[in-house]
Every structure is written in structure tokens, then in C-alpha cells.
């Protein structure tokens, strides 16, 4: 999958939770309004506790999640968004 496809997949996952909580859904055509939410969520996903599932994830699972989140971030970069804090995890 391309970086943009992974970003779309990530946003769809976020939208499932946002819909459940009654929040506005993220629209790729209006991503500017939600980029801070996306980056906050991504930083949380990249935290060692989350990516390693508190030590319960296998090495393969950690590597898969890391590659996925890295692609999501690259998709954001391709749209012109950067976050110095995320680079700490990547």
C-alpha cells in the first residue's frame, strides 16, 4: 500500500472511534482542520507502551505496527505536514 492509502486507512480507523464518541468525522478533503488530532493520535500510537502493548507484542507485531505508523506519517508528510515530536519515535 502507498503512504496515502495507509493514511486513509488510519483515518478510517480514527473515524470509527470518532463516530462512536459522537465526534465530527475526519474528511480527507478537509484534513487541515484535523491534522492536530491525527498527529496527537499518531504520537500516542507510537509510544513505546502502545506499540509494544506493554511488553505483550511479539517482535513481528511491533515491526508491523511501526512500519504502518511510519507510512501513515509519511503520508502526512507528502501532504505537507511535519511534527518534530513524532521524529523522536521514528
N, C-alpha and C. Protein backbone atom coordinates (compact mmCIF):
# COMPACT_ATOMS: atom_id res chain seq x y z
N UNK A 1 0.85 -1.19 0.00
CA UNK A 1 0.00 0.00 0.00
C UNK A 1 0.88 1.25 0.00
N UNK A 2 0.38 2.26 -0.65
CA UNK A 2 1.12 3.53 -0.66
C UNK A 2 0.93 4.24 0.68
N UNK A 3 1.76 5.25 0.90
CA UNK A 3 1.67 6.03 2.13
C UNK A 3 0.29 6.68 2.27
N UNK A 4 -0.22 7.20 1.16
CA UNK A 4 -1.53 7.86 1.20
C UNK A 4 -2.64 6.85 1.51
N UNK A 5 -2.54 5.65 0.96
CA UNK A 5 -3.53 4.62 1.24
C UNK A 5 -3.49 4.23 2.73
N UNK A 6 -2.29 4.15 3.29
CA UNK A 6 -2.16 3.83 4.71
C UNK A 6 -2.74 4.97 5.56
N UNK A 7 -2.51 6.21 5.13
CA UNK A 7 -3.08 7.35 5.84
C UNK A 7 -4.60 7.29 5.80
N UNK A 8 -5.17 6.98 4.63
CA UNK A 8 -6.63 6.84 4.52
C UNK A 8 -7.15 5.74 5.43
N UNK A 9 -6.45 4.61 5.48
CA UNK A 9 -6.83 3.51 6.36
C UNK A 9 -6.81 3.96 7.82
N UNK A 10 -5.76 4.69 8.20
CA UNK A 10 -5.62 5.19 9.57
C UNK A 10 -6.77 6.14 9.93
N UNK A 11 -7.08 7.03 9.01
CA UNK A 11 -8.17 7.99 9.24
C UNK A 11 -9.50 7.26 9.35
N UNK A 12 -9.71 6.24 8.54
CA UNK A 12 -10.94 5.44 8.65
C UNK A 12 -11.06 4.79 10.02
N UNK A 13 -9.92 4.28 10.53
CA UNK A 13 -9.92 3.68 11.87
C UNK A 13 -10.24 4.74 12.93
N UNK A 14 -9.62 5.91 12.78
CA UNK A 14 -9.91 7.00 13.72
C UNK A 14 -11.39 7.38 13.66
N UNK A 15 -11.94 7.41 12.44
CA UNK A 15 -13.34 7.81 12.27
C UNK A 15 -14.31 6.85 12.94
N UNK A 16 -13.95 5.57 12.99
CA UNK A 16 -14.82 4.62 13.70
C UNK A 16 -14.95 5.00 15.17
N UNK A 17 -13.83 5.34 15.78
CA UNK A 17 -13.86 5.75 17.19
C UNK A 17 -14.53 7.12 17.36
N UNK A 18 -14.25 8.03 16.42
CA UNK A 18 -14.86 9.36 16.50
C UNK A 18 -16.39 9.26 16.38
N UNK A 19 -16.86 8.40 15.49
CA UNK A 19 -18.30 8.21 15.33
C UNK A 19 -18.90 7.64 16.60
N UNK A 20 -18.23 6.66 17.19
CA UNK A 20 -18.69 6.04 18.43
C UNK A 20 -18.81 7.08 19.55
N UNK A 21 -17.86 8.02 19.60
CA UNK A 21 -17.87 9.05 20.64
C UNK A 21 -18.72 10.27 20.26
N UNK A 22 -19.31 10.25 19.07
CA UNK A 22 -20.17 11.35 18.64
C UNK A 22 -19.39 12.57 18.18
N UNK A 23 -18.14 12.39 17.76
CA UNK A 23 -17.31 13.50 17.29
C UNK A 23 -17.43 13.63 15.77
N UNK A 24 -17.03 14.78 15.28
CA UNK A 24 -17.05 15.01 13.83
C UNK A 24 -16.05 14.09 13.15
N UNK A 25 -16.42 13.58 11.99
CA UNK A 25 -15.55 12.67 11.25
C UNK A 25 -14.51 13.45 10.46
N UNK A 26 -13.36 12.85 10.30
CA UNK A 26 -12.26 13.45 9.55
C UNK A 26 -12.51 13.20 8.07
N UNK A 27 -12.39 14.25 7.30
CA UNK A 27 -12.59 14.19 5.86
C UNK A 27 -11.25 14.51 5.19
N UNK A 28 -10.79 13.63 4.31
CA UNK A 28 -9.50 13.86 3.63
C UNK A 28 -9.50 15.16 2.85
N UNK A 29 -10.65 15.60 2.39
CA UNK A 29 -10.71 16.86 1.64
C UNK A 29 -10.56 18.07 2.55
N UNK A 30 -10.74 17.87 3.86
CA UNK A 30 -10.64 18.97 4.81
C UNK A 30 -9.70 18.57 5.96
N UNK A 31 -8.61 17.92 5.59
CA UNK A 31 -7.69 17.36 6.59
C UNK A 31 -7.02 18.45 7.43
N UNK A 32 -6.89 19.66 6.88
CA UNK A 32 -6.25 20.75 7.63
C UNK A 32 -6.89 20.96 9.00
N UNK A 33 -8.19 20.82 9.06
CA UNK A 33 -8.91 21.05 10.31
C UNK A 33 -8.63 19.98 11.36
N UNK A 34 -8.13 18.83 10.92
CA UNK A 34 -7.98 17.69 11.83
C UNK A 34 -6.55 17.21 12.00
N UNK A 35 -5.60 17.85 11.34
CA UNK A 35 -4.23 17.35 11.36
C UNK A 35 -3.66 17.27 12.78
N UNK A 36 -4.01 18.21 13.64
CA UNK A 36 -3.53 18.15 15.03
C UNK A 36 -4.07 16.92 15.75
N UNK A 37 -5.33 16.60 15.52
CA UNK A 37 -5.93 15.39 16.12
C UNK A 37 -5.24 14.13 15.61
N UNK A 38 -4.96 14.11 14.31
CA UNK A 38 -4.31 12.95 13.70
C UNK A 38 -2.91 12.78 14.28
N UNK A 39 -2.16 13.87 14.36
CA UNK A 39 -0.79 13.80 14.90
C UNK A 39 -0.79 13.42 16.37
N UNK A 40 -1.73 13.95 17.15
CA UNK A 40 -1.82 13.57 18.57
C UNK A 40 -2.08 12.07 18.70
N UNK A 41 -3.00 11.57 17.90
CA UNK A 41 -3.34 10.16 17.94
C UNK A 41 -2.14 9.30 17.51
N UNK A 42 -1.46 9.74 16.48
CA UNK A 42 -0.30 9.01 15.97
C UNK A 42 0.83 8.98 16.99
N UNK A 43 1.07 10.10 17.67
CA UNK A 43 2.09 10.13 18.74
C UNK A 43 1.75 9.11 19.82
N UNK A 44 0.48 9.02 20.18
CA UNK A 44 0.05 8.04 21.17
C UNK A 44 0.27 6.62 20.68
N UNK A 45 -0.04 6.37 19.41
CA UNK A 45 0.15 5.03 18.85
C UNK A 45 1.62 4.63 18.79
N UNK A 46 2.48 5.61 18.62
CA UNK A 46 3.92 5.34 18.52
C UNK A 46 4.62 5.27 19.87
N UNK A 47 3.90 5.54 20.94
CA UNK A 47 4.54 5.48 22.26
C UNK A 47 4.98 4.04 22.53
N UNK A 48 6.09 3.87 23.21
CA UNK A 48 6.59 2.50 23.47
C UNK A 48 5.56 1.62 24.16
N UNK A 49 4.80 2.16 25.08
CA UNK A 49 3.79 1.36 25.79
C UNK A 49 2.74 0.82 24.83
N UNK A 50 2.34 1.65 23.89
CA UNK A 50 1.29 1.25 22.95
C UNK A 50 1.82 0.31 21.88
N UNK A 51 2.93 0.67 21.29
CA UNK A 51 3.44 -0.13 20.16
C UNK A 51 3.90 -1.51 20.62
N UNK A 52 4.33 -1.62 21.87
CA UNK A 52 4.76 -2.91 22.41
C UNK A 52 3.66 -3.60 23.21
N UNK A 53 2.49 -2.96 23.29
CA UNK A 53 1.36 -3.46 24.08
C UNK A 53 1.83 -3.88 25.48
N UNK A 54 2.53 -2.95 26.12
CA UNK A 54 3.05 -3.17 27.48
C UNK A 54 3.86 -4.46 27.57
N UNK A 55 4.65 -4.74 26.53
CA UNK A 55 5.54 -5.89 26.54
C UNK A 55 4.92 -7.18 26.06
N UNK A 56 3.66 -7.15 25.64
CA UNK A 56 2.98 -8.38 25.23
C UNK A 56 3.04 -8.64 23.73
N UNK A 57 3.47 -7.67 22.95
CA UNK A 57 3.51 -7.85 21.49
C UNK A 57 4.78 -8.59 21.08
N UNK A 58 4.64 -9.40 20.05
CA UNK A 58 5.82 -10.09 19.52
C UNK A 58 6.65 -9.10 18.70
N UNK A 59 7.87 -9.49 18.42
CA UNK A 59 8.74 -8.63 17.61
C UNK A 59 8.12 -8.37 16.24
N UNK A 60 7.52 -9.38 15.65
CA UNK A 60 6.88 -9.22 14.34
C UNK A 60 5.72 -8.23 14.41
N UNK A 61 4.91 -8.31 15.47
CA UNK A 61 3.79 -7.37 15.63
C UNK A 61 4.30 -5.94 15.79
N UNK A 62 5.33 -5.77 16.60
CA UNK A 62 5.91 -4.43 16.82
C UNK A 62 6.44 -3.88 15.50
N UNK A 63 7.17 -4.69 14.75
CA UNK A 63 7.73 -4.23 13.48
C UNK A 63 6.63 -3.87 12.48
N UNK A 64 5.55 -4.67 12.45
CA UNK A 64 4.44 -4.39 11.54
C UNK A 64 3.76 -3.07 11.92
N UNK A 65 3.48 -2.88 13.20
CA UNK A 65 2.84 -1.64 13.64
C UNK A 65 3.74 -0.44 13.36
N UNK A 66 5.03 -0.60 13.62
CA UNK A 66 5.98 0.50 13.39
C UNK A 66 5.99 0.90 11.92
N UNK A 67 6.08 -0.10 11.03
CA UNK A 67 6.09 0.20 9.59
C UNK A 67 4.79 0.89 9.17
N UNK A 68 3.67 0.41 9.69
CA UNK A 68 2.37 1.01 9.37
C UNK A 68 2.31 2.47 9.80
N UNK A 69 2.67 2.74 11.06
CA UNK A 69 2.61 4.11 11.56
C UNK A 69 3.62 5.02 10.86
N UNK A 70 4.77 4.47 10.49
CA UNK A 70 5.76 5.25 9.73
C UNK A 70 5.19 5.64 8.38
N UNK A 71 4.47 4.71 7.74
CA UNK A 71 3.85 5.02 6.45
C UNK A 71 2.75 6.06 6.61
N UNK A 72 1.99 5.97 7.68
CA UNK A 72 0.95 6.96 7.94
C UNK A 72 1.59 8.35 8.05
N UNK A 73 2.68 8.43 8.80
CA UNK A 73 3.35 9.72 8.97
C UNK A 73 3.91 10.21 7.63
N UNK A 74 4.48 9.31 6.83
CA UNK A 74 4.98 9.71 5.52
C UNK A 74 3.85 10.23 4.63
N UNK A 75 2.66 9.64 4.78
CA UNK A 75 1.50 10.14 4.05
C UNK A 75 1.17 11.57 4.44
N UNK A 76 1.29 11.86 5.73
CA UNK A 76 1.08 13.24 6.20
C UNK A 76 2.16 14.17 5.67
N UNK A 77 3.40 13.68 5.66
CA UNK A 77 4.50 14.49 5.14
C UNK A 77 4.28 14.82 3.67
N UNK A 78 3.79 13.85 2.91
CA UNK A 78 3.53 14.08 1.49
C UNK A 78 2.47 15.17 1.28
N UNK A 79 1.62 15.35 2.28
CA UNK A 79 0.61 16.41 2.21
C UNK A 79 1.12 17.73 2.81
N UNK A 80 2.37 17.72 3.29
CA UNK A 80 2.99 18.94 3.78
C UNK A 80 2.96 19.12 5.29
N UNK A 81 2.64 18.07 6.03
CA UNK A 81 2.56 18.17 7.49
C UNK A 81 3.76 17.51 8.14
N UNK A 82 4.34 18.19 9.11
CA UNK A 82 5.50 17.69 9.83
C UNK A 82 5.23 17.79 11.33
N UNK A 83 5.90 16.95 12.10
CA UNK A 83 5.81 17.02 13.55
C UNK A 83 7.13 16.54 14.13
N UNK A 84 7.87 17.44 14.75
CA UNK A 84 9.19 17.11 15.29
C UNK A 84 9.11 16.05 16.38
N UNK A 85 8.03 16.03 17.15
CA UNK A 85 7.90 15.06 18.24
C UNK A 85 7.80 13.63 17.71
N UNK A 86 7.15 13.45 16.58
CA UNK A 86 6.99 12.11 16.03
C UNK A 86 8.35 11.57 15.56
N UNK A 87 9.21 12.45 15.11
CA UNK A 87 10.53 12.00 14.66
C UNK A 87 11.31 11.34 15.79
N UNK A 88 10.99 11.68 17.02
CA UNK A 88 11.61 11.03 18.18
C UNK A 88 11.33 9.53 18.17
N UNK A 89 10.13 9.14 17.76
CA UNK A 89 9.73 7.73 17.74
C UNK A 89 10.16 7.02 16.47
N UNK A 90 10.34 7.79 15.38
CA UNK A 90 10.71 7.17 14.11
C UNK A 90 12.20 7.23 13.96
